[in-house]
Amino acid sequence: MADKTVKLTTDEVQYVTKLSRLIMTDDEAKEMARTLNDILVYMEKLGELDTSGVEPMTHAIPNENVMREDALKPFTDTKEILKNAPDSKGAFYRVPKVIE
């Protein structure tokens, strides 16, 4: 990309690494600045696209809720509910004591 514009300097990258409490050599900072500049140039190019007719979306494919509707249903058979409990007493679950 010969027509690239510089967005970040090495000093700015070093400043951010200092704020982030990261240690980066000068060579690493130069490489990071180049990489971030490439990303920013690419994002700038994407910003030039006409998206006026595109609806905002949160997913690339249609996403529907696959869960059942949360509906209140009465129950009367406590024994049926407790049959999978590892331990129960009467109409209640028994759990190990966790607080002394």
PDB file of N, CA and C in Angstrom:
ATOM      1  N   MET A   1       0.837  -1.180   0.000  1.00  0.00           N
ATOM      2  CA  MET A   1       0.000   0.000   0.000  1.00  0.00           C
ATOM      3  C   MET A   1       0.881   1.242   0.000  1.00  0.00           C
ATOM      4  N   ALA A   2       1.102   1.775  -1.136  1.00  0.00           N
ATOM      5  CA  ALA A   2       1.986   2.917  -1.253  1.00  0.00           C
ATOM      6  C   ALA A   2       1.324   4.206  -0.791  1.00  0.00           C
ATOM      7  N   ASP A   3      -0.012   4.296  -0.864  1.00  0.00           N
ATOM      8  CA  ASP A   3      -0.704   5.531  -0.512  1.00  0.00           C
ATOM      9  C   ASP A   3      -1.180   5.544   0.944  1.00  0.00           C
ATOM     10  N   LYS A   4      -0.565   4.711   1.774  1.00  0.00           N
ATOM     11  CA  LYS A   4      -0.936   4.647   3.182  1.00  0.00           C
ATOM     12  C   LYS A   4      -0.674   5.961   3.891  1.00  0.00           C
ATOM     13  N   THR A   5      -1.542   6.301   4.816  1.00  0.00           N
ATOM     14  CA  THR A   5      -1.287   7.453   5.674  1.00  0.00           C
ATOM     15  C   THR A   5      -0.942   6.922   7.053  1.00  0.00           C
ATOM     16  N   VAL A   6      -0.001   7.567   7.702  1.00  0.00           N
ATOM     17  CA  VAL A   6       0.437   7.129   9.026  1.00  0.00           C
ATOM     18  C   VAL A   6      -0.550   7.646  10.058  1.00  0.00           C
ATOM     19  N   LYS A   7      -1.053   6.754  10.844  1.00  0.00           N
ATOM     20  CA  LYS A   7      -2.014   7.108  11.884  1.00  0.00           C
ATOM     21  C   LYS A   7      -1.358   7.127  13.265  1.00  0.00           C
ATOM     22  N   LEU A   8      -0.535   6.154  13.546  1.00  0.00           N
ATOM     23  CA  LEU A   8       0.115   6.046  14.855  1.00  0.00           C
ATOM     24  C   LEU A   8       1.630   6.108  14.708  1.00  0.00           C
ATOM     25  N   THR A   9       2.268   6.767  15.648  1.00  0.00           N
ATOM     26  CA  THR A   9       3.727   6.805  15.665  1.00  0.00           C
ATOM     27  C   THR A   9       4.232   5.780  16.664  1.00  0.00           C
ATOM     28  N   THR A  10       5.510   5.488  16.573  1.00  0.00           N
ATOM     29  CA  THR A  10       6.126   4.560  17.517  1.00  0.00           C
ATOM     30  C   THR A  10       6.043   5.115  18.938  1.00  0.00           C
ATOM     31  N   ASP A  11       6.181   6.427  19.082  1.00  0.00           N
ATOM     32  CA  ASP A  11       6.085   7.042  20.414  1.00  0.00           C
ATOM     33  C   ASP A  11       4.699   6.844  21.011  1.00  0.00           C
ATOM     34  N   GLU A  12       3.671   6.937  20.177  1.00  0.00           N
ATOM     35  CA  GLU A  12       2.306   6.726  20.671  1.00  0.00           C
ATOM     36  C   GLU A  12       2.100   5.278  21.104  1.00  0.00           C
ATOM     37  N   VAL A  13       2.679   4.353  20.349  1.00  0.00           N
ATOM     38  CA  VAL A  13       2.583   2.942  20.731  1.00  0.00           C
ATOM     39  C   VAL A  13       3.309   2.714  22.048  1.00  0.00           C
ATOM     40  N   GLN A  14       4.492   3.286  22.199  1.00  0.00           N
ATOM     41  CA  GLN A  14       5.237   3.142  23.454  1.00  0.00           C
ATOM     42  C   GLN A  14       4.453   3.748  24.622  1.00  0.00           C
ATOM     43  N   TYR A  15       3.779   4.867  24.383  1.00  0.00           N
ATOM     44  CA  TYR A  15       2.978   5.514  25.424  1.00  0.00           C
ATOM     45  C   TYR A  15       1.837   4.594  25.872  1.00  0.00           C
ATOM     46  N   VAL A  16       1.163   3.973  24.907  1.00  0.00           N
ATOM     47  CA  VAL A  16       0.060   3.064  25.243  1.00  0.00           C
ATOM     48  C   VAL A  16       0.581   1.825  25.963  1.00  0.00           C
ATOM     49  N   THR A  17       1.744   1.307  25.544  1.00  0.00           N
ATOM     50  CA  THR A  17       2.293   0.143  26.233  1.00  0.00           C
ATOM     51  C   THR A  17       2.670   0.494  27.671  1.00  0.00           C
ATOM     52  N   LYS A  18       3.129   1.721  27.883  1.00  0.00           N
ATOM     53  CA  LYS A  18       3.450   2.150  29.245  1.00  0.00           C
ATOM     54  C   LYS A  18       2.179   2.230  30.087  1.00  0.00           C
ATOM     55  N   LEU A  19       1.109   2.795  29.524  1.00  0.00           N
ATOM     56  CA  LEU A  19      -0.166   2.861  30.234  1.00  0.00           C
ATOM     57  C   LEU A  19      -0.710   1.463  30.539  1.00  0.00           C
ATOM     58  N   SER A  20      -0.453   0.543  29.627  1.00  0.00           N
ATOM     59  CA  SER A  20      -0.930  -0.836  29.781  1.00  0.00           C
ATOM     60  C   SER A  20      -0.005  -1.673  30.646  1.00  0.00           C
ATOM     61  N   ARG A  21       1.093  -1.063  31.053  1.00  0.00           N
ATOM     62  CA  ARG A  21       2.118  -1.753  31.856  1.00  0.00           C
ATOM     63  C   ARG A  21       2.688  -2.965  31.124  1.00  0.00           C
ATOM     64  N   LEU A  22       2.897  -2.766  29.829  1.00  0.00           N
ATOM     65  CA  LEU A  22       3.537  -3.781  29.004  1.00  0.00           C
ATOM     66  C   LEU A  22       4.953  -3.336  28.701  1.00  0.00           C
ATOM     67  N   ILE A  23       5.811  -4.291  28.458  1.00  0.00           N
ATOM     68  CA  ILE A  23       7.186  -3.981  28.094  1.00  0.00           C
ATOM     69  C   ILE A  23       7.367  -4.347  26.627  1.00  0.00           C
ATOM     70  N   MET A  24       7.841  -3.369  25.835  1.00  0.00           N
ATOM     71  CA  MET A  24       8.006  -3.585  24.410  1.00  0.00           C
ATOM     72  C   MET A  24       9.298  -2.913  23.965  1.00  0.00           C
ATOM     73  N   THR A  25      10.088  -3.649  23.196  1.00  0.00           N
ATOM     74  CA  THR A  25      11.321  -3.070  22.671  1.00  0.00           C
ATOM     75  C   THR A  25      10.978  -2.078  21.563  1.00  0.00           C
ATOM     76  N   ASP A  26      11.982  -1.292  21.149  1.00  0.00           N
ATOM     77  CA  ASP A  26      11.763  -0.328  20.068  1.00  0.00           C
ATOM     78  C   ASP A  26      11.372  -1.025  18.772  1.00  0.00           C
ATOM     79  N   ASP A  27      12.019  -2.154  18.487  1.00  0.00           N
ATOM     80  CA  ASP A  27      11.680  -2.902  17.269  1.00  0.00           C
ATOM     81  C   ASP A  27      10.248  -3.429  17.324  1.00  0.00           C
ATOM     82  N   GLU A  28       9.854  -3.934  18.487  1.00  0.00           N
ATOM     83  CA  GLU A  28       8.479  -4.423  18.640  1.00  0.00           C
ATOM     84  C   GLU A  28       7.476  -3.273  18.506  1.00  0.00           C
ATOM     85  N   ALA A  29       7.819  -2.114  19.047  1.00  0.00           N
ATOM     86  CA  ALA A  29       6.936  -0.950  18.952  1.00  0.00           C
ATOM     87  C   ALA A  29       6.793  -0.493  17.500  1.00  0.00           C
ATOM     88  N   LYS A  30       7.895  -0.531  16.746  1.00  0.00           N
ATOM     89  CA  LYS A  30       7.828  -0.165  15.319  1.00  0.00           C
ATOM     90  C   LYS A  30       6.925  -1.127  14.562  1.00  0.00           C
ATOM     91  N   GLU A  31       7.097  -2.425  14.811  1.00  0.00           N
ATOM     92  CA  GLU A  31       6.273  -3.436  14.150  1.00  0.00           C
ATOM     93  C   GLU A  31       4.806  -3.286  14.547  1.00  0.00           C
ATOM     94  N   MET A  32       4.550  -3.010  15.822  1.00  0.00           N
ATOM     95  CA  MET A  32       3.180  -2.823  16.301  1.00  0.00           C
ATOM     96  C   MET A  32       2.555  -1.590  15.646  1.00  0.00           C
ATOM     97  N   ALA A  33       3.324  -0.514  15.520  1.00  0.00           N
ATOM     98  CA  ALA A  33       2.823   0.699  14.871  1.00  0.00           C
ATOM     99  C   ALA A  33       2.467   0.410  13.416  1.00  0.00           C
ATOM    100  N   ARG A  34       3.319  -0.357  12.719  1.00  0.00           N
ATOM    101  CA  ARG A  34       3.029  -0.720  11.323  1.00  0.00           C
ATOM    102  C   ARG A  34       1.743  -1.548  11.240  1.00  0.00           C
ATOM    103  N   THR A  35       1.626  -2.516  12.116  1.00  0.00           N
ATOM    104  CA  THR A  35       0.445  -3.394  12.114  1.00  0.00           C
ATOM    105  C   THR A  35      -0.828  -2.603  12.405  1.00  0.00           C
ATOM    106  N   LEU A  36      -0.779  -1.761  13.428  1.00  0.00           N
ATOM    107  CA  LEU A  36      -1.956  -0.963  13.779  1.00  0.00           C
ATOM    108  C   LEU A  36      -2.301   0.021  12.670  1.00  0.00           C
ATOM    109  N   ASN A  37      -1.278   0.608  12.031  1.00  0.00           N
ATOM    110  CA  ASN A  37      -1.526   1.513  10.909  1.00  0.00           C
ATOM    111  C   ASN A  37      -2.202   0.785   9.753  1.00  0.00           C
ATOM    112  N   ASP A  38      -1.759  -0.448   9.481  1.00  0.00           N
ATOM    113  CA  ASP A  38      -2.399  -1.241   8.423  1.00  0.00           C
ATOM    114  C   ASP A  38      -3.877  -1.483   8.750  1.00  0.00           C
ATOM    115  N   ILE A  39      -4.155  -1.782   9.993  1.00  0.00           N
ATOM    116  CA  ILE A  39      -5.542  -2.011  10.420  1.00  0.00           C
ATOM    117  C   ILE A  39      -6.357  -0.739  10.265  1.00  0.00           C
ATOM    118  N   LEU A  40      -5.793   0.389  10.697  1.00  0.00           N
ATOM    119  CA  LEU A  40      -6.515   1.659  10.595  1.00  0.00           C
ATOM    120  C   LEU A  40      -6.768   2.064   9.145  1.00  0.00           C
ATOM    121  N   VAL A  41      -5.801   1.828   8.273  1.00  0.00           N
ATOM    122  CA  VAL A  41      -5.975   2.137   6.851  1.00  0.00           C
ATOM    123  C   VAL A  41      -7.088   1.256   6.273  1.00  0.00           C
ATOM    124  N   TYR A  42      -7.102  -0.008   6.648  1.00  0.00           N
ATOM    125  CA  TYR A  42      -8.141  -0.919   6.175  1.00  0.00           C
ATOM    126  C   TYR A  42      -9.518  -0.480   6.675  1.00  0.00           C
ATOM    127  N   MET A  43      -9.610  -0.084   7.936  1.00  0.00           N
ATOM    128  CA  MET A  43     -10.878   0.376   8.493  1.00  0.00           C
ATOM    129  C   MET A  43     -11.333   1.658   7.794  1.00  0.00           C
ATOM    130  N   GLU A  44     -10.392   2.517   7.468  1.00  0.00           N
ATOM    131  CA  GLU A  44     -10.705   3.745   6.733  1.00  0.00           C
ATOM    132  C   GLU A  44     -11.287   3.405   5.359  1.00  0.00           C
ATOM    133  N   LYS A  45     -10.713   2.402   4.723  1.00  0.00           N
ATOM    134  CA  LYS A  45     -11.194   1.962   3.416  1.00  0.00           C
ATOM    135  C   LYS A  45     -12.613   1.401   3.538  1.00  0.00           C
ATOM    136  N   LEU A  46     -12.886   0.640   4.590  1.00  0.00           N
ATOM    137  CA  LEU A  46     -14.233   0.116   4.809  1.00  0.00           C
ATOM    138  C   LEU A  46     -15.227   1.245   5.064  1.00  0.00           C
ATOM    139  N   GLY A  47     -14.765   2.321   5.688  1.00  0.00           N
ATOM    140  CA  GLY A  47     -15.624   3.462   5.969  1.00  0.00           C
ATOM    141  C   GLY A  47     -16.083   4.184   4.711  1.00  0.00           C
ATOM    142  N   GLU A  48     -15.410   3.968   3.600  1.00  0.00           N
ATOM    143  CA  GLU A  48     -15.774   4.608   2.341  1.00  0.00           C
ATOM    144  C   GLU A  48     -16.956   3.913   1.657  1.00  0.00           C
ATOM    145  N   LEU A  49     -17.316   2.726   2.111  1.00  0.00           N
ATOM    146  CA  LEU A  49     -18.413   1.985   1.492  1.00  0.00           C
ATOM    147  C   LEU A  49     -19.748   2.642   1.784  1.00  0.00           C
ATOM    148  N   ASP A  50     -20.647   2.610   0.801  1.00  0.00           N
ATOM    149  CA  ASP A  50     -21.993   3.143   0.975  1.00  0.00           C
ATOM    150  C   ASP A  50     -22.851   2.071   1.638  1.00  0.00           C
ATOM    151  N   THR A  51     -23.197   2.289   2.887  1.00  0.00           N
ATOM    152  CA  THR A  51     -24.016   1.336   3.632  1.00  0.00           C
ATOM    153  C   THR A  51     -25.384   1.920   3.967  1.00  0.00           C
ATOM    154  N   SER A  52     -25.807   2.917   3.199  1.00  0.00           N
ATOM    155  CA  SER A  52     -27.074   3.584   3.503  1.00  0.00           C
ATOM    156  C   SER A  52     -28.272   2.647   3.366  1.00  0.00           C
ATOM    157  N   GLY A  53     -28.212   1.658   2.488  1.00  0.00           N
ATOM    158  CA  GLY A  53     -29.334   0.736   2.314  1.00  0.00           C
ATOM    159  C   GLY A  53     -29.205  -0.545   3.113  1.00  0.00           C
ATOM    160  N   VAL A  54     -28.214  -0.617   3.984  1.00  0.00           N
ATOM    161  CA  VAL A  54     -27.972  -1.839   4.756  1.00  0.00           C
ATOM    162  C   VAL A  54     -28.512  -1.660   6.168  1.00  0.00           C
ATOM    163  N   GLU A  55     -29.359  -2.601   6.585  1.00  0.00           N
ATOM    164  CA  GLU A  55     -29.907  -2.542   7.933  1.00  0.00           C
ATOM    165  C   GLU A  55     -28.846  -2.959   8.949  1.00  0.00           C
ATOM    166  N   PRO A  56     -28.776  -2.273  10.075  1.00  0.00           N
ATOM    167  CA  PRO A  56     -27.831  -2.697  11.124  1.00  0.00           C
ATOM    168  C   PRO A  56     -28.195  -4.098  11.620  1.00  0.00           C
ATOM    169  N   MET A  57     -27.184  -4.882  11.943  1.00  0.00           N
ATOM    170  CA  MET A  57     -27.444  -6.225  12.450  1.00  0.00           C
ATOM    171  C   MET A  57     -26.400  -6.605  13.482  1.00  0.00           C
ATOM    172  N   THR A  58     -26.734  -7.567  14.299  1.00  0.00           N
ATOM    173  CA  THR A  58     -25.809  -8.018  15.329  1.00  0.00           C
ATOM    174  C   THR A  58     -25.119  -9.319  14.954  1.00  0.00           C
ATOM    175  N   HIS A  59     -25.689 -10.056  13.990  1.00  0.00           N
ATOM    176  CA  HIS A  59     -25.112 -11.324  13.552  1.00  0.00           C
ATOM    177  C   HIS A  59     -25.094 -11.370  12.022  1.00  0.00           C
ATOM    178  N   ALA A  60     -24.191 -12.151  11.482  1.00  0.00           N
ATOM    179  CA  ALA A  60     -24.073 -12.268  10.035  1.00  0.00           C
ATOM    180  C   ALA A  60     -25.208 -13.085   9.429  1.00  0.00           C
ATOM    181  N   ILE A  61     -25.776 -13.978  10.222  1.00  0.00           N
ATOM    182  CA  ILE A  61     -26.904 -14.785   9.748  1.00  0.00           C
ATOM    183  C   ILE A  61     -28.095 -14.528  10.659  1.00  0.00           C
ATOM    184  N   PRO A  62     -29.311 -14.748  10.161  1.00  0.00           N
ATOM    185  CA  PRO A  62     -30.476 -14.538  11.026  1.00  0.00           C
ATOM    186  C   PRO A  62     -30.388 -15.416  12.265  1.00  0.00           C
ATOM    187  N   ASN A  63     -30.682 -14.835  13.387  1.00  0.00           N
ATOM    188  CA  ASN A  63     -30.555 -15.546  14.648  1.00  0.00           C
ATOM    189  C   ASN A  63     -31.900 -15.499  15.365  1.00  0.00           C
ATOM    190  N   GLU A  64     -32.445 -16.665  15.654  1.00  0.00           N
ATOM    191  CA  GLU A  64     -33.715 -16.739  16.355  1.00  0.00           C
ATOM    192  C   GLU A  64     -33.502 -17.427  17.691  1.00  0.00           C
ATOM    193  N   ASN A  65     -34.340 -17.085  18.622  1.00  0.00           N
ATOM    194  CA  ASN A  65     -34.270 -17.713  19.928  1.00  0.00           C
ATOM    195  C   ASN A  65     -34.766 -19.150  19.815  1.00  0.00           C
ATOM    196  N   VAL A  66     -33.927 -20.091  20.166  1.00  0.00           N
ATOM    197  CA  VAL A  66     -34.296 -21.493  20.073  1.00  0.00           C
ATOM    198  C   VAL A  66     -34.845 -22.028  21.386  1.00  0.00           C
ATOM    199  N   MET A  67     -34.918 -21.166  22.371  1.00  0.00           N
ATOM    200  CA  MET A  67     -35.438 -21.578  23.666  1.00  0.00           C
ATOM    201  C   MET A  67     -36.960 -21.503  23.658  1.00  0.00           C
ATOM    202  N   ARG A  68     -37.559 -22.292  24.488  1.00  0.00           N
ATOM    203  CA  ARG A  68     -39.011 -22.235  24.594  1.00  0.00           C
ATOM    204  C   ARG A  68     -39.418 -20.956  25.309  1.00  0.00           C
ATOM    205  N   GLU A  69     -40.658 -20.575  25.145  1.00  0.00           N
ATOM    206  CA  GLU A  69     -41.163 -19.388  25.817  1.00  0.00           C
ATOM    207  C   GLU A  69     -41.181 -19.628  27.321  1.00  0.00           C
ATOM    208  N   ASP A  70     -40.771 -18.655  28.077  1.00  0.00           N
ATOM    209  CA  ASP A  70     -40.746 -18.768  29.527  1.00  0.00           C
ATOM    210  C   ASP A  70     -42.165 -18.560  30.051  1.00  0.00           C
ATOM    211  N   ALA A  71     -42.821 -19.654  30.353  1.00  0.00           N
ATOM    212  CA  ALA A  71     -44.216 -19.580  30.784  1.00  0.00           C
ATOM    213  C   ALA A  71     -44.373 -20.248  32.143  1.00  0.00           C
ATOM    214  N   LEU A  72     -45.188 -19.663  32.968  1.00  0.00           N
ATOM    215  CA  LEU A  72     -45.477 -20.197  34.294  1.00  0.00           C
ATOM    216  C   LEU A  72     -46.436 -21.364  34.155  1.00  0.00           C
ATOM    217  N   LYS A  73     -46.049 -22.517  34.684  1.00  0.00           N
ATOM    218  CA  LYS A  73     -46.903 -23.701  34.624  1.00  0.00           C
ATOM    219  C   LYS A  73     -47.042 -24.270  36.030  1.00  0.00           C
ATOM    220  N   PRO A  74     -48.239 -24.526  36.453  1.00  0.00           N
ATOM    221  CA  PRO A  74     -48.420 -25.104  37.792  1.00  0.00           C
ATOM    222  C   PRO A  74     -47.968 -26.564  37.821  1.00  0.00           C
ATOM    223  N   PHE A  75     -47.513 -26.990  38.953  1.00  0.00           N
ATOM    224  CA  PHE A  75     -47.164 -28.399  39.106  1.00  0.00           C
ATOM    225  C   PHE A  75     -47.786 -28.913  40.400  1.00  0.00           C
ATOM    226  N   THR A  76     -48.067 -30.192  40.403  1.00  0.00           N
ATOM    227  CA  THR A  76     -48.676 -30.792  41.589  1.00  0.00           C
ATOM    228  C   THR A  76     -47.926 -32.032  42.035  1.00  0.00           C
ATOM    229  N   ASP A  77     -47.104 -32.575  41.175  1.00  0.00           N
ATOM    230  CA  ASP A  77     -46.433 -33.832  41.496  1.00  0.00           C
ATOM    231  C   ASP A  77     -45.010 -33.583  41.993  1.00  0.00           C
ATOM    232  N   THR A  78     -44.862 -33.332  43.276  1.00  0.00           N
ATOM    233  CA  THR A  78     -43.559 -33.071  43.878  1.00  0.00           C
ATOM    234  C   THR A  78     -42.650 -34.285  43.766  1.00  0.00           C
ATOM    235  N   LYS A  79     -43.212 -35.483  43.881  1.00  0.00           N
ATOM    236  CA  LYS A  79     -42.409 -36.707  43.790  1.00  0.00           C
ATOM    237  C   LYS A  79     -41.738 -36.817  42.417  1.00  0.00           C
ATOM    238  N   GLU A  80     -42.458 -36.433  41.378  1.00  0.00           N
ATOM    239  CA  GLU A  80     -41.899 -36.467  40.019  1.00  0.00           C
ATOM    240  C   GLU A  80     -40.717 -35.512  39.895  1.00  0.00           C
ATOM    241  N   ILE A  81     -40.830 -34.334  40.502  1.00  0.00           N
ATOM    242  CA  ILE A  81     -39.758 -33.341  40.448  1.00  0.00           C
ATOM    243  C   ILE A  81     -38.542 -33.806  41.232  1.00  0.00           C
ATOM    244  N   LEU A  82     -38.759 -34.408  42.382  1.00  0.00           N
ATOM    245  CA  LEU A  82     -37.658 -34.802  43.263  1.00  0.00           C
ATOM    246  C   LEU A  82     -37.034 -36.156  42.907  1.00  0.00           C
ATOM    247  N   LYS A  83     -37.578 -36.862  41.916  1.00  0.00           N
ATOM    248  CA  LYS A  83     -37.047 -38.207  41.629  1.00  0.00           C
ATOM    249  C   LYS A  83     -35.607 -38.172  41.115  1.00  0.00           C
ATOM    250  N   ASN A  84     -35.167 -37.044  40.518  1.00  0.00           N
ATOM    251  CA  ASN A  84     -33.784 -36.932  40.036  1.00  0.00           C
ATOM    252  C   ASN A  84     -32.850 -36.271  41.043  1.00  0.00           C
ATOM    253  N   ALA A  85     -33.378 -35.875  42.180  1.00  0.00           N
ATOM    254  CA  ALA A  85     -32.548 -35.226  43.194  1.00  0.00           C
ATOM    255  C   ALA A  85     -31.628 -36.257  43.830  1.00  0.00           C
ATOM    256  N   PRO A  86     -30.353 -35.929  44.044  1.00  0.00           N
ATOM    257  CA  PRO A  86     -29.448 -36.884  44.681  1.00  0.00           C
ATOM    258  C   PRO A  86     -29.851 -37.162  46.130  1.00  0.00           C
ATOM    259  N   ASP A  87     -30.464 -36.178  46.789  1.00  0.00           N
ATOM    260  CA  ASP A  87     -30.882 -36.355  48.176  1.00  0.00           C
ATOM    261  C   ASP A  87     -32.065 -35.419  48.433  1.00  0.00           C
ATOM    262  N   SER A  88     -33.104 -35.953  49.032  1.00  0.00           N
ATOM    263  CA  SER A  88     -34.261 -35.119  49.350  1.00  0.00           C
ATOM    264  C   SER A  88     -34.836 -35.554  50.689  1.00  0.00           C
ATOM    265  N   LYS A  89     -35.593 -34.648  51.270  1.00  0.00           N
ATOM    266  CA  LYS A  89     -36.273 -34.958  52.528  1.00  0.00           C
ATOM    267  C   LYS A  89     -37.660 -34.346  52.431  1.00  0.00           C
ATOM    268  N   GLY A  90     -38.649 -35.181  52.385  1.00  0.00           N
ATOM    269  CA  GLY A  90     -40.007 -34.689  52.223  1.00  0.00           C
ATOM    270  C   GLY A  90     -40.168 -34.062  50.852  1.00  0.00           C
ATOM    271  N   ALA A  91     -40.612 -32.814  50.831  1.00  0.00           N
ATOM    272  CA  ALA A  91     -40.828 -32.100  49.569  1.00  0.00           C
ATOM    273  C   ALA A  91     -39.680 -31.155  49.243  1.00  0.00           C
ATOM    274  N   PHE A  92     -38.491 -31.405  49.816  1.00  0.00           N
ATOM    275  CA  PHE A  92     -37.374 -30.478  49.658  1.00  0.00           C
ATOM    276  C   PHE A  92     -36.121 -31.195  49.172  1.00  0.00           C
ATOM    277  N   TYR A  93     -35.263 -30.442  48.491  1.00  0.00           N
ATOM    278  CA  TYR A  93     -33.927 -30.916  48.137  1.00  0.00           C
ATOM    279  C   TYR A  93     -33.057 -30.804  49.366  1.00  0.00           C
ATOM    280  N   ARG A  94     -32.178 -31.779  49.557  1.00  0.00           N
ATOM    281  CA  ARG A  94     -31.182 -31.672  50.624  1.00  0.00           C
ATOM    282  C   ARG A  94     -29.843 -31.389  49.966  1.00  0.00           C
ATOM    283  N   VAL A  95     -29.142 -30.410  50.507  1.00  0.00           N
ATOM    284  CA  VAL A  95     -27.832 -30.035  49.973  1.00  0.00           C
ATOM    285  C   VAL A  95     -26.818 -30.054  51.097  1.00  0.00           C
ATOM    286  N   PRO A  96     -25.547 -30.229  50.773  1.00  0.00           N
ATOM    287  CA  PRO A  96     -24.517 -30.226  51.818  1.00  0.00           C
ATOM    288  C   PRO A  96     -24.431 -28.856  52.497  1.00  0.00           C
ATOM    289  N   LYS A  97     -24.091 -28.883  53.745  1.00  0.00           N
ATOM    290  CA  LYS A  97     -23.914 -27.654  54.510  1.00  0.00           C
ATOM    291  C   LYS A  97     -22.663 -26.939  53.984  1.00  0.00           C
ATOM    292  N   VAL A  98     -22.790 -25.657  53.684  1.00  0.00           N
ATOM    293  CA  VAL A  98     -21.658 -24.909  53.164  1.00  0.00           C
ATOM    294  C   VAL A  98     -21.227 -23.789  54.093  1.00  0.00           C
ATOM    295  N   ILE A  99     -22.010 -23.465  55.071  1.00  0.00           N
ATOM    296  CA  ILE A  99     -21.674 -22.398  56.024  1.00  0.00           C
ATOM    297  C   ILE A  99     -21.584 -23.021  57.405  1.00  0.00           C
ATOM    298  N   GLU A 100     -20.525 -22.731  58.095  1.00  0.00           N
ATOM    299  CA  GLU A 100     -20.324 -23.266  59.456  1.00  0.00           C
ATOM    300  C   GLU A 100     -21.153 -22.507  60.459  1.00  0.00           C
TER     301      GLU A 100
END
